[in-house]
Amino acid sequence: MIKAIIGKKVGMTQIFDDNGKVIPVTVIEAGPCTVVQKKTEESDGYDSVQLGFADVKERKLSKPELGHMKKAGVEPKKHLKEFRLEDTSALNVGDEIKADVFAQGDKIDVTGISRGKGFAGVVKLHNKGRNRMSHGGGPVHRHAGSMGAGTTPGRIFKGHMGAGHMGNEQVTIQNLDIVKVDPDLNMIAVRGAIPGPKGGVVYLKNTVKN
């Protein structure tokens, strides 16, 4: 069964296993999440559930968002995310999903918005090579270089690697181990690093890798 939950990155720490080995972990405050909407193969063409995470005041939501929550009969939620599942028969609108939906040893994919790093050049942003430092190479050692032909096509192709905003984009880290689950504190400890700053919202789901 595919499992999923929305959480918040708390930060990184380390814990020791039974053999005294240090494991670097990221602590995630996972849930509790409420099922706000349910889609089925018959009505929508696919099976999915929309989860809501983190309570919010009514005045901070738009009228359509508030109407969506009231139709479901759930408290206003700050974050909504739809997860496609193979089977949604066990879940209904209003159900609560907690951290214990996952167990120690499960493999998951974690999706988040990476930390923004501002404006960066092509060497840092796209791992381009620089020009030689001697024999009159300056002053363009770290510049982008040729943009393409001048006559045909007479423009820069879409997707050309140039300088620009680095980070602040959706990143998924796949196949991470769950080292510890604490349902009382809604905490999940995942081996290794995950995208985003402390306090950033992340989405946890069964890994697509076998």
N, C-alpha and C. Protein backbone atom coordinates (compact mmCIF):
# COMPACT_ATOMS: atom_id res chain seq x y z
N MET A 1 0.85 -1.21 0.00
CA MET A 1 0.00 0.00 0.00
C MET A 1 0.88 1.25 0.00
N ILE A 2 0.51 2.24 -0.83
CA ILE A 2 1.25 3.49 -0.87
C ILE A 2 0.81 4.36 0.31
N LYS A 3 1.80 4.93 1.01
CA LYS A 3 1.52 5.77 2.17
C LYS A 3 2.12 7.15 1.93
N ALA A 4 1.51 8.18 2.51
CA ALA A 4 2.00 9.54 2.30
C ALA A 4 1.60 10.42 3.48
N ILE A 5 2.38 11.49 3.68
CA ILE A 5 2.07 12.46 4.75
C ILE A 5 2.80 13.77 4.46
N ILE A 6 2.27 14.86 5.00
CA ILE A 6 2.92 16.17 4.89
C ILE A 6 3.60 16.47 6.22
N GLY A 7 4.76 17.10 6.16
CA GLY A 7 5.49 17.40 7.40
C GLY A 7 6.26 18.70 7.32
N LYS A 8 6.98 18.98 8.40
CA LYS A 8 7.78 20.19 8.49
C LYS A 8 9.18 19.81 8.94
N LYS A 9 10.20 20.32 8.24
CA LYS A 9 11.59 20.01 8.59
C LYS A 9 11.95 20.74 9.88
N VAL A 10 12.37 19.96 10.89
CA VAL A 10 12.76 20.55 12.18
C VAL A 10 14.24 20.88 12.19
N GLY A 11 15.07 19.99 11.63
CA GLY A 11 16.51 20.21 11.61
C GLY A 11 17.24 18.89 11.60
N MET A 12 18.57 18.95 11.68
CA MET A 12 19.39 17.74 11.64
C MET A 12 20.03 17.46 13.00
N THR A 13 20.25 16.18 13.26
CA THR A 13 20.94 15.76 14.48
C THR A 13 21.56 14.40 14.19
N GLN A 14 22.02 13.72 15.23
CA GLN A 14 22.55 12.37 15.03
C GLN A 14 22.05 11.47 16.15
N ILE A 15 21.80 10.22 15.81
CA ILE A 15 21.40 9.24 16.82
C ILE A 15 22.29 8.02 16.68
N PHE A 16 22.33 7.21 17.73
CA PHE A 16 23.19 6.03 17.76
C PHE A 16 22.34 4.78 17.61
N ASP A 17 22.81 3.84 16.79
CA ASP A 17 22.09 2.58 16.66
C ASP A 17 22.52 1.61 17.76
N ASP A 18 22.01 0.37 17.69
CA ASP A 18 22.29 -0.61 18.76
C ASP A 18 23.76 -0.97 18.84
N ASN A 19 24.51 -0.80 17.73
CA ASN A 19 25.93 -1.13 17.72
C ASN A 19 26.81 0.07 18.08
N GLY A 20 26.18 1.19 18.45
CA GLY A 20 26.95 2.37 18.81
C GLY A 20 27.41 3.18 17.61
N LYS A 21 26.85 2.87 16.44
CA LYS A 21 27.25 3.58 15.21
C LYS A 21 26.43 4.87 15.08
N VAL A 22 27.09 5.96 14.69
CA VAL A 22 26.41 7.25 14.55
C VAL A 22 25.65 7.30 13.22
N ILE A 23 24.37 7.73 13.28
CA ILE A 23 23.56 7.89 12.07
C ILE A 23 23.14 9.36 11.98
N PRO A 24 23.56 10.08 10.91
CA PRO A 24 23.07 11.45 10.74
C PRO A 24 21.62 11.43 10.27
N VAL A 25 20.75 12.15 10.95
CA VAL A 25 19.32 12.11 10.60
C VAL A 25 18.75 13.52 10.49
N THR A 26 17.70 13.63 9.68
CA THR A 26 16.88 14.84 9.65
C THR A 26 15.59 14.52 10.38
N VAL A 27 15.21 15.40 11.30
CA VAL A 27 13.98 15.21 12.07
C VAL A 27 12.85 15.97 11.37
N ILE A 28 11.74 15.26 11.14
CA ILE A 28 10.58 15.85 10.46
C ILE A 28 9.37 15.75 11.39
N GLU A 29 8.69 16.88 11.56
CA GLU A 29 7.42 16.86 12.28
C GLU A 29 6.34 16.49 11.27
N ALA A 30 5.92 15.23 11.29
CA ALA A 30 5.04 14.69 10.26
C ALA A 30 3.60 14.61 10.77
N GLY A 31 2.73 15.44 10.19
CA GLY A 31 1.33 15.42 10.56
C GLY A 31 1.09 16.08 11.91
N PRO A 32 -0.10 15.86 12.52
CA PRO A 32 -1.20 15.09 11.94
C PRO A 32 -1.82 15.78 10.73
N CYS A 33 -2.20 14.98 9.72
CA CYS A 33 -2.82 15.50 8.50
C CYS A 33 -4.27 15.01 8.43
N THR A 34 -5.10 15.82 7.81
CA THR A 34 -6.51 15.47 7.66
C THR A 34 -6.82 15.26 6.18
N VAL A 35 -7.61 14.23 5.89
CA VAL A 35 -8.05 14.00 4.50
C VAL A 35 -9.12 15.03 4.17
N VAL A 36 -8.82 15.94 3.23
CA VAL A 36 -9.72 17.02 2.87
C VAL A 36 -10.56 16.66 1.65
N GLN A 37 -10.00 15.84 0.74
CA GLN A 37 -10.73 15.46 -0.47
C GLN A 37 -10.28 14.06 -0.90
N LYS A 38 -11.20 13.33 -1.51
CA LYS A 38 -10.89 11.99 -1.98
C LYS A 38 -11.35 11.86 -3.44
N LYS A 39 -10.48 11.36 -4.29
CA LYS A 39 -10.83 11.15 -5.69
C LYS A 39 -10.77 9.65 -5.99
N THR A 40 -11.67 9.19 -6.83
CA THR A 40 -11.73 7.76 -7.16
C THR A 40 -11.69 7.55 -8.67
N GLU A 41 -11.39 6.33 -9.05
CA GLU A 41 -11.31 5.94 -10.46
C GLU A 41 -12.64 6.21 -11.17
N GLU A 42 -13.75 5.93 -10.48
CA GLU A 42 -15.07 6.06 -11.10
C GLU A 42 -15.40 7.53 -11.40
N SER A 43 -15.14 8.42 -10.43
CA SER A 43 -15.58 9.81 -10.60
C SER A 43 -14.53 10.71 -11.25
N ASP A 44 -13.25 10.41 -11.04
CA ASP A 44 -12.19 11.33 -11.50
C ASP A 44 -11.18 10.67 -12.45
N GLY A 45 -11.27 9.35 -12.62
CA GLY A 45 -10.34 8.69 -13.54
C GLY A 45 -9.06 8.20 -12.88
N TYR A 46 -8.87 8.52 -11.61
CA TYR A 46 -7.70 8.02 -10.88
C TYR A 46 -7.98 8.10 -9.38
N ASP A 47 -7.20 7.37 -8.59
CA ASP A 47 -7.38 7.35 -7.13
C ASP A 47 -6.37 8.28 -6.47
N SER A 48 -6.86 9.14 -5.59
CA SER A 48 -5.95 10.01 -4.83
C SER A 48 -6.66 10.55 -3.61
N VAL A 49 -5.86 11.07 -2.67
CA VAL A 49 -6.41 11.80 -1.53
C VAL A 49 -5.68 13.13 -1.41
N GLN A 50 -6.41 14.16 -0.99
CA GLN A 50 -5.79 15.45 -0.72
C GLN A 50 -5.68 15.60 0.80
N LEU A 51 -4.46 15.83 1.27
CA LEU A 51 -4.22 15.98 2.70
C LEU A 51 -4.03 17.44 3.06
N GLY A 52 -4.51 17.81 4.25
CA GLY A 52 -4.31 19.16 4.78
C GLY A 52 -3.42 19.10 6.00
N PHE A 53 -2.53 20.09 6.14
CA PHE A 53 -1.56 20.09 7.24
C PHE A 53 -1.47 21.49 7.84
N ALA A 54 -1.37 21.57 9.15
CA ALA A 54 -1.16 22.81 9.93
C ALA A 54 -2.43 23.67 9.95
N ASP A 55 -3.01 23.82 11.14
CA ASP A 55 -4.19 24.66 11.31
C ASP A 55 -3.86 26.12 11.03
N VAL A 56 -4.86 26.84 10.52
CA VAL A 56 -4.66 28.25 10.20
C VAL A 56 -5.97 28.99 10.48
N LYS A 57 -5.88 30.31 10.77
CA LYS A 57 -7.08 31.10 11.03
C LYS A 57 -7.87 31.28 9.71
N GLU A 58 -9.19 31.34 9.84
CA GLU A 58 -10.06 31.46 8.66
C GLU A 58 -9.73 32.69 7.83
N ARG A 59 -9.39 33.81 8.50
CA ARG A 59 -9.16 35.07 7.78
C ARG A 59 -7.92 35.02 6.90
N LYS A 60 -7.08 34.00 7.08
CA LYS A 60 -5.85 33.91 6.28
C LYS A 60 -6.04 33.07 5.01
N LEU A 61 -7.27 32.57 4.81
CA LEU A 61 -7.55 31.80 3.59
C LEU A 61 -8.47 32.60 2.67
N SER A 62 -8.38 32.32 1.37
CA SER A 62 -9.30 32.95 0.42
C SER A 62 -10.67 32.28 0.53
N LYS A 63 -11.69 32.94 -0.05
CA LYS A 63 -13.05 32.39 0.02
C LYS A 63 -13.15 31.01 -0.64
N PRO A 64 -12.53 30.80 -1.84
CA PRO A 64 -12.59 29.45 -2.43
C PRO A 64 -11.92 28.39 -1.55
N GLU A 65 -10.78 28.75 -0.94
CA GLU A 65 -10.09 27.79 -0.07
C GLU A 65 -10.95 27.44 1.14
N LEU A 66 -11.58 28.48 1.73
CA LEU A 66 -12.42 28.27 2.91
C LEU A 66 -13.64 27.44 2.56
N GLY A 67 -14.23 27.71 1.38
CA GLY A 67 -15.38 26.92 0.94
C GLY A 67 -15.04 25.47 0.73
N HIS A 68 -13.83 25.22 0.21
CA HIS A 68 -13.34 23.86 -0.01
C HIS A 68 -13.24 23.11 1.31
N MET A 69 -12.73 23.81 2.35
CA MET A 69 -12.60 23.18 3.69
C MET A 69 -13.97 22.91 4.31
N LYS A 70 -14.86 23.90 4.19
CA LYS A 70 -16.18 23.76 4.82
C LYS A 70 -16.99 22.65 4.15
N LYS A 71 -16.82 22.51 2.83
CA LYS A 71 -17.51 21.42 2.12
C LYS A 71 -17.06 20.07 2.65
N ALA A 72 -15.77 19.97 2.99
CA ALA A 72 -15.24 18.71 3.53
C ALA A 72 -15.56 18.54 5.01
N GLY A 73 -15.95 19.66 5.66
CA GLY A 73 -16.26 19.60 7.09
C GLY A 73 -15.03 19.46 7.97
N VAL A 74 -13.91 20.06 7.52
CA VAL A 74 -12.67 19.97 8.32
C VAL A 74 -12.23 21.37 8.72
N GLU A 75 -11.35 21.42 9.74
CA GLU A 75 -10.80 22.69 10.18
C GLU A 75 -9.93 23.30 9.08
N PRO A 76 -9.85 24.65 8.98
CA PRO A 76 -9.00 25.27 7.95
C PRO A 76 -7.55 24.83 8.06
N LYS A 77 -6.95 24.48 6.94
CA LYS A 77 -5.56 24.01 6.91
C LYS A 77 -4.71 24.93 6.03
N LYS A 78 -3.46 25.09 6.44
CA LYS A 78 -2.56 26.01 5.73
C LYS A 78 -2.01 25.39 4.45
N HIS A 79 -1.66 24.09 4.49
CA HIS A 79 -1.03 23.44 3.35
C HIS A 79 -1.90 22.29 2.86
N LEU A 80 -2.09 22.22 1.54
CA LEU A 80 -2.83 21.12 0.92
C LEU A 80 -1.93 20.45 -0.11
N LYS A 81 -2.04 19.13 -0.19
CA LYS A 81 -1.24 18.40 -1.18
C LYS A 81 -1.99 17.12 -1.56
N GLU A 82 -2.08 16.89 -2.86
CA GLU A 82 -2.75 15.68 -3.34
C GLU A 82 -1.73 14.58 -3.60
N PHE A 83 -2.02 13.39 -3.13
CA PHE A 83 -1.16 12.22 -3.34
C PHE A 83 -1.94 11.16 -4.10
N ARG A 84 -1.36 10.70 -5.21
CA ARG A 84 -2.00 9.62 -5.97
C ARG A 84 -1.70 8.29 -5.30
N LEU A 85 -2.74 7.54 -5.03
CA LEU A 85 -2.60 6.25 -4.35
C LEU A 85 -3.22 5.16 -5.20
N GLU A 86 -2.74 3.93 -4.99
CA GLU A 86 -3.29 2.80 -5.74
C GLU A 86 -4.68 2.43 -5.24
N ASP A 87 -4.88 2.60 -3.92
CA ASP A 87 -6.16 2.20 -3.34
C ASP A 87 -6.52 3.19 -2.23
N THR A 88 -7.67 3.84 -2.36
CA THR A 88 -8.09 4.83 -1.35
C THR A 88 -9.28 4.34 -0.52
N SER A 89 -9.62 3.06 -0.65
CA SER A 89 -10.83 2.54 0.01
C SER A 89 -10.75 2.65 1.53
N ALA A 90 -9.53 2.60 2.07
CA ALA A 90 -9.38 2.64 3.54
C ALA A 90 -9.46 4.06 4.10
N LEU A 91 -9.43 5.08 3.22
CA LEU A 91 -9.41 6.47 3.68
C LEU A 91 -10.71 7.17 3.29
N ASN A 92 -11.18 8.04 4.21
CA ASN A 92 -12.38 8.84 3.93
C ASN A 92 -12.12 10.29 4.34
N VAL A 93 -12.91 11.21 3.79
CA VAL A 93 -12.77 12.63 4.12
C VAL A 93 -12.97 12.81 5.62
N GLY A 94 -12.05 13.54 6.25
CA GLY A 94 -12.12 13.77 7.70
C GLY A 94 -11.20 12.87 8.49
N ASP A 95 -10.69 11.78 7.87
CA ASP A 95 -9.77 10.88 8.57
C ASP A 95 -8.46 11.60 8.90
N GLU A 96 -7.88 11.22 10.03
CA GLU A 96 -6.61 11.82 10.45
C GLU A 96 -5.47 10.83 10.20
N ILE A 97 -4.38 11.35 9.62
CA ILE A 97 -3.20 10.52 9.35
C ILE A 97 -2.06 11.03 10.20
N LYS A 98 -1.44 10.12 10.96
CA LYS A 98 -0.35 10.51 11.87
C LYS A 98 0.96 9.88 11.41
N ALA A 99 2.03 10.21 12.15
CA ALA A 99 3.37 9.77 11.78
C ALA A 99 3.48 8.24 11.74
N ASP A 100 2.64 7.53 12.53
CA ASP A 100 2.77 6.07 12.59
C ASP A 100 2.23 5.38 11.33
N VAL A 101 1.83 6.17 10.30
CA VAL A 101 1.51 5.56 9.01
C VAL A 101 2.77 4.94 8.41
N PHE A 102 3.95 5.48 8.80
CA PHE A 102 5.23 4.90 8.42
C PHE A 102 5.83 4.16 9.61
N ALA A 103 6.76 3.25 9.33
CA ALA A 103 7.41 2.48 10.39
C ALA A 103 8.92 2.50 10.17
N GLN A 104 9.66 2.20 11.22
CA GLN A 104 11.11 2.14 11.13
C GLN A 104 11.52 1.12 10.06
N GLY A 105 12.46 1.51 9.20
CA GLY A 105 12.92 0.63 8.13
C GLY A 105 12.26 0.88 6.79
N ASP A 106 11.16 1.68 6.78
CA ASP A 106 10.50 2.01 5.51
C ASP A 106 11.42 2.87 4.64
N LYS A 107 11.26 2.74 3.34
CA LYS A 107 12.01 3.58 2.39
C LYS A 107 11.06 4.62 1.81
N ILE A 108 11.48 5.89 1.83
CA ILE A 108 10.59 6.96 1.38
C ILE A 108 11.30 7.92 0.43
N ASP A 109 10.49 8.67 -0.33
CA ASP A 109 10.98 9.81 -1.10
C ASP A 109 10.49 11.07 -0.40
N VAL A 110 11.38 12.05 -0.27
CA VAL A 110 11.03 13.31 0.40
C VAL A 110 11.15 14.45 -0.60
N THR A 111 10.08 15.23 -0.74
CA THR A 111 10.04 16.36 -1.68
C THR A 111 9.92 17.66 -0.90
N GLY A 112 10.73 18.65 -1.27
CA GLY A 112 10.66 19.96 -0.63
C GLY A 112 11.18 21.04 -1.56
N ILE A 113 11.07 22.29 -1.13
CA ILE A 113 11.60 23.43 -1.89
C ILE A 113 13.00 23.71 -1.36
N SER A 114 14.00 23.63 -2.26
CA SER A 114 15.39 23.79 -1.82
C SER A 114 15.66 25.22 -1.34
N ARG A 115 16.68 25.35 -0.55
CA ARG A 115 17.07 26.64 0.01
C ARG A 115 17.50 27.59 -1.12
N GLY A 116 16.95 28.79 -1.15
CA GLY A 116 17.29 29.76 -2.19
C GLY A 116 18.70 30.32 -1.95
N LYS A 117 19.48 30.44 -3.03
CA LYS A 117 20.87 30.91 -2.89
C LYS A 117 21.12 32.18 -3.70
N GLY A 118 20.05 32.84 -4.18
CA GLY A 118 20.22 34.10 -4.89
C GLY A 118 20.74 33.92 -6.31
N PHE A 119 21.28 35.02 -6.86
CA PHE A 119 21.76 35.03 -8.24
C PHE A 119 23.14 34.36 -8.32
N ALA A 120 23.33 33.48 -9.30
CA ALA A 120 24.61 32.78 -9.47
C ALA A 120 24.97 32.73 -10.94
N GLY A 121 26.28 32.70 -11.21
CA GLY A 121 26.76 32.61 -12.58
C GLY A 121 26.73 31.19 -13.10
N VAL A 122 27.12 31.01 -14.38
CA VAL A 122 26.99 29.70 -15.02
C VAL A 122 27.94 28.66 -14.42
N VAL A 123 29.10 29.08 -13.89
CA VAL A 123 30.06 28.12 -13.35
C VAL A 123 29.48 27.47 -12.10
N LYS A 124 28.92 28.29 -11.21
CA LYS A 124 28.34 27.76 -9.97
C LYS A 124 26.98 27.11 -10.21
N LEU A 125 26.17 27.74 -11.08
CA LEU A 125 24.79 27.29 -11.26
C LEU A 125 24.68 26.04 -12.11
N HIS A 126 25.45 25.97 -13.21
CA HIS A 126 25.30 24.85 -14.15
C HIS A 126 26.57 24.00 -14.28
N ASN A 127 27.57 24.25 -13.42
CA ASN A 127 28.79 23.45 -13.43
C ASN A 127 29.55 23.56 -14.75
N LYS A 128 29.50 24.76 -15.37
CA LYS A 128 30.22 24.98 -16.62
C LYS A 128 31.72 25.14 -16.33
N GLY A 129 32.54 24.90 -17.35
CA GLY A 129 33.99 25.12 -17.22
C GLY A 129 34.31 26.59 -17.42
N ARG A 130 35.46 27.03 -16.89
CA ARG A 130 35.87 28.42 -17.10
C ARG A 130 36.93 28.48 -18.20
N ASN A 131 37.19 29.71 -18.69
CA ASN A 131 38.23 29.90 -19.69
C ASN A 131 39.61 29.84 -19.03
N ARG A 132 40.67 29.69 -19.85
CA ARG A 132 42.01 29.61 -19.28
C ARG A 132 42.37 30.95 -18.62
N MET A 133 43.23 30.88 -17.61
CA MET A 133 43.55 32.06 -16.80
C MET A 133 44.73 32.84 -17.39
N SER A 134 45.46 32.25 -18.36
CA SER A 134 46.65 32.91 -18.90
C SER A 134 46.47 33.17 -20.40
N HIS A 135 47.49 33.81 -21.03
CA HIS A 135 47.52 34.04 -22.48
C HIS A 135 46.30 34.81 -22.99
N GLY A 136 45.99 35.89 -22.31
CA GLY A 136 44.94 36.80 -22.80
C GLY A 136 43.54 36.27 -22.67
N GLY A 137 43.29 35.42 -21.70
CA GLY A 137 41.94 34.86 -21.53
C GLY A 137 40.96 35.84 -20.92
N GLY A 138 41.47 36.86 -20.22
CA GLY A 138 40.57 37.77 -19.48
C GLY A 138 39.94 38.79 -20.39
N PRO A 139 38.93 39.55 -19.91
CA PRO A 139 38.37 39.44 -18.55
C PRO A 139 37.09 38.62 -18.52
N VAL A 140 37.07 37.49 -19.21
CA VAL A 140 35.83 36.70 -19.30
C VAL A 140 36.05 35.26 -18.81
N HIS A 141 36.85 35.09 -17.74
CA HIS A 141 37.20 33.75 -17.28
C HIS A 141 35.97 32.91 -16.91
N ARG A 142 34.97 33.55 -16.29
CA ARG A 142 33.81 32.80 -15.79
C ARG A 142 32.53 33.21 -16.51
N HIS A 143 32.65 33.79 -17.69
CA HIS A 143 31.45 34.20 -18.43
C HIS A 143 30.84 33.01 -19.18
N ALA A 144 29.64 33.25 -19.73
CA ALA A 144 28.86 32.15 -20.32
C ALA A 144 29.45 31.67 -21.65
N GLY A 145 30.20 32.51 -22.37
CA GLY A 145 30.74 32.09 -23.66
C GLY A 145 29.70 32.28 -24.77
N SER A 146 29.88 31.56 -25.87
CA SER A 146 29.02 31.72 -27.04
C SER A 146 27.57 31.37 -26.71
N MET A 147 26.67 32.19 -27.24
CA MET A 147 25.23 31.95 -27.04
C MET A 147 24.63 31.21 -28.24
N GLY A 148 25.41 31.00 -29.30
CA GLY A 148 24.87 30.34 -30.49
C GLY A 148 25.13 31.18 -31.73
N ALA A 149 24.69 30.69 -32.88
CA ALA A 149 24.95 31.36 -34.16
C ALA A 149 24.21 32.70 -34.23
N GLY A 150 24.76 33.66 -35.02
CA GLY A 150 24.17 34.98 -35.11
C GLY A 150 23.06 35.08 -36.14
N THR A 151 23.14 34.27 -37.22
CA THR A 151 22.15 34.40 -38.29
C THR A 151 21.05 33.35 -38.21
N THR A 152 21.43 32.09 -38.14
CA THR A 152 20.42 31.03 -38.01
C THR A 152 20.66 30.28 -36.70
N PRO A 153 19.73 30.18 -35.79
CA PRO A 153 18.34 30.64 -35.88
C PRO A 153 18.15 32.12 -35.53
N GLY A 154 19.21 32.84 -35.20
CA GLY A 154 19.07 34.26 -34.93
C GLY A 154 18.43 34.57 -33.58
N ARG A 155 18.41 33.60 -32.71
CA ARG A 155 17.85 33.80 -31.36
C ARG A 155 18.49 32.77 -30.44
N ILE A 156 18.23 32.89 -29.16
CA ILE A 156 18.74 31.91 -28.19
C ILE A 156 17.66 30.87 -27.96
N PHE A 157 18.02 29.59 -28.06
CA PHE A 157 17.04 28.53 -27.84
C PHE A 157 16.56 28.52 -26.40
N LYS A 158 15.30 28.16 -26.22
CA LYS A 158 14.71 28.03 -24.90
C LYS A 158 15.48 26.97 -24.11
N GLY A 159 15.72 27.23 -22.82
CA GLY A 159 16.41 26.26 -21.98
C GLY A 159 17.92 26.41 -22.01
N HIS A 160 18.42 27.43 -22.72
CA HIS A 160 19.88 27.66 -22.74
C HIS A 160 20.38 27.94 -21.33
N MET A 161 21.50 27.34 -20.97
CA MET A 161 22.03 27.51 -19.61
C MET A 161 22.68 28.89 -19.47
N GLY A 162 22.12 29.71 -18.63
CA GLY A 162 22.67 31.04 -18.37
C GLY A 162 22.71 31.31 -16.87
N ALA A 163 23.20 32.48 -16.51
CA ALA A 163 23.20 32.88 -15.10
C ALA A 163 21.76 33.10 -14.64
N GLY A 164 21.51 32.94 -13.36
CA GLY A 164 20.15 33.14 -12.87
C GLY A 164 19.98 32.74 -11.42
N HIS A 165 18.72 32.63 -11.03
CA HIS A 165 18.36 32.31 -9.64
C HIS A 165 18.76 30.87 -9.32
N MET A 166 19.50 30.69 -8.25
CA MET A 166 19.95 29.36 -7.85
C MET A 166 19.16 28.89 -6.64
N GLY A 167 18.73 27.64 -6.68
CA GLY A 167 17.95 27.09 -5.57
C GLY A 167 16.49 27.53 -5.67
N ASN A 168 15.76 27.40 -4.54
CA ASN A 168 14.35 27.78 -4.46
C ASN A 168 13.52 27.06 -5.52
N GLU A 169 13.76 25.76 -5.69
CA GLU A 169 12.98 24.95 -6.64
C GLU A 169 12.67 23.60 -6.01
N GLN A 170 11.68 22.92 -6.57
CA GLN A 170 11.26 21.64 -5.99
C GLN A 170 12.32 20.56 -6.22
N VAL A 171 12.70 19.90 -5.14
CA VAL A 171 13.71 18.84 -5.20
C VAL A 171 13.17 17.60 -4.49
N THR A 172 13.40 16.43 -5.07
CA THR A 172 13.00 15.17 -4.42
C THR A 172 14.23 14.32 -4.17
N ILE A 173 14.42 13.91 -2.91
CA ILE A 173 15.49 12.98 -2.55
C ILE A 173 14.85 11.60 -2.40
N GLN A 174 15.36 10.62 -3.16
CA GLN A 174 14.71 9.32 -3.21
C GLN A 174 15.39 8.29 -2.31
N ASN A 175 14.58 7.32 -1.90
CA ASN A 175 15.09 6.10 -1.26
C ASN A 175 15.80 6.35 0.07
N LEU A 176 15.22 7.18 0.93
CA LEU A 176 15.79 7.44 2.24
C LEU A 176 15.22 6.46 3.27
N ASP A 177 16.06 6.06 4.23
CA ASP A 177 15.62 5.14 5.30
C ASP A 177 14.93 5.93 6.41
N ILE A 178 13.86 5.37 6.95
CA ILE A 178 13.29 5.90 8.19
C ILE A 178 14.00 5.19 9.34
N VAL A 179 14.67 5.98 10.18
CA VAL A 179 15.46 5.41 11.27
C VAL A 179 14.63 5.28 12.54
N LYS A 180 13.70 6.24 12.75
CA LYS A 180 12.90 6.20 13.98
C LYS A 180 11.57 6.91 13.75
N VAL A 181 10.50 6.38 14.37
CA VAL A 181 9.18 7.01 14.31
C VAL A 181 8.66 7.17 15.73
N ASP A 182 8.23 8.40 16.08
CA ASP A 182 7.64 8.65 17.40
C ASP A 182 6.24 9.22 17.20
N PRO A 183 5.19 8.37 17.26
CA PRO A 183 3.83 8.85 17.00
C PRO A 183 3.32 9.84 18.05
N ASP A 184 3.84 9.75 19.29
CA ASP A 184 3.39 10.66 20.35
C ASP A 184 3.82 12.10 20.06
N LEU A 185 5.03 12.26 19.51
CA LEU A 185 5.55 13.60 19.20
C LEU A 185 5.36 13.96 17.72
N ASN A 186 4.74 13.05 16.95
CA ASN A 186 4.58 13.24 15.49
C ASN A 186 5.93 13.46 14.81
N MET A 187 6.93 12.71 15.24
CA MET A 187 8.28 12.88 14.69
C MET A 187 8.71 11.67 13.87
N ILE A 188 9.35 11.96 12.73
CA ILE A 188 9.98 10.92 11.92
C ILE A 188 11.43 11.33 11.70
N ALA A 189 12.37 10.42 12.01
CA ALA A 189 13.79 10.68 11.78
C ALA A 189 14.22 9.92 10.53
N VAL A 190 14.75 10.67 9.54
CA VAL A 190 15.13 10.10 8.25
C VAL A 190 16.64 10.17 8.11
N ARG A 191 17.25 9.08 7.62
CA ARG A 191 18.71 9.06 7.44
C ARG A 191 19.12 10.06 6.35
N GLY A 192 20.08 10.92 6.66
CA GLY A 192 20.62 11.84 5.66
C GLY A 192 19.90 13.17 5.62
N ALA A 193 20.21 13.95 4.58
CA ALA A 193 19.69 15.31 4.44
C ALA A 193 18.49 15.33 3.50
N ILE A 194 17.62 16.32 3.72
CA ILE A 194 16.47 16.53 2.84
C ILE A 194 16.46 17.99 2.40
N PRO A 195 15.74 18.33 1.33
CA PRO A 195 15.77 19.70 0.82
C PRO A 195 15.08 20.69 1.75
N GLY A 196 15.48 21.96 1.65
CA GLY A 196 14.76 23.04 2.31
C GLY A 196 15.38 23.52 3.59
N PRO A 197 14.94 24.70 4.06
CA PRO A 197 15.43 25.25 5.32
C PRO A 197 14.69 24.66 6.51
N LYS A 198 15.12 24.96 7.72
CA LYS A 198 14.37 24.56 8.91
C LYS A 198 13.01 25.24 8.87
N GLY A 199 11.97 24.46 9.18
CA GLY A 199 10.62 25.01 9.12
C GLY A 199 9.97 24.86 7.76
N GLY A 200 10.73 24.36 6.76
CA GLY A 200 10.19 24.18 5.41
C GLY A 200 9.23 23.00 5.34
N VAL A 201 8.20 23.12 4.51
CA VAL A 201 7.21 22.05 4.36
C VAL A 201 7.75 20.99 3.40
N VAL A 202 7.61 19.72 3.79
CA VAL A 202 8.09 18.61 2.96
C VAL A 202 6.98 17.57 2.82
N TYR A 203 7.06 16.80 1.73
CA TYR A 203 6.07 15.76 1.45
C TYR A 203 6.77 14.40 1.46
N LEU A 204 6.25 13.47 2.26
CA LEU A 204 6.82 12.14 2.39
C LEU A 204 5.91 11.14 1.71
N LYS A 205 6.53 10.21 0.94
CA LYS A 205 5.75 9.20 0.25
C LYS A 205 6.60 7.95 0.08
N ASN A 206 5.96 6.79 -0.03
CA ASN A 206 6.71 5.55 -0.32
C ASN A 206 7.62 5.77 -1.51
N THR A 207 8.82 5.20 -1.46
CA THR A 207 9.75 5.40 -2.57
C THR A 207 9.25 4.72 -3.84
N VAL A 208 9.57 5.34 -4.98
CA VAL A 208 9.22 4.72 -6.28
C VAL A 208 10.24 3.68 -6.68
N LYS A 209 11.38 3.64 -5.97
CA LYS A 209 12.42 2.65 -6.27
C LYS A 209 12.13 1.37 -5.50
N ASN A 210 12.55 0.25 -6.07
CA ASN A 210 12.35 -1.03 -5.40
C ASN A 210 13.60 -1.36 -4.58
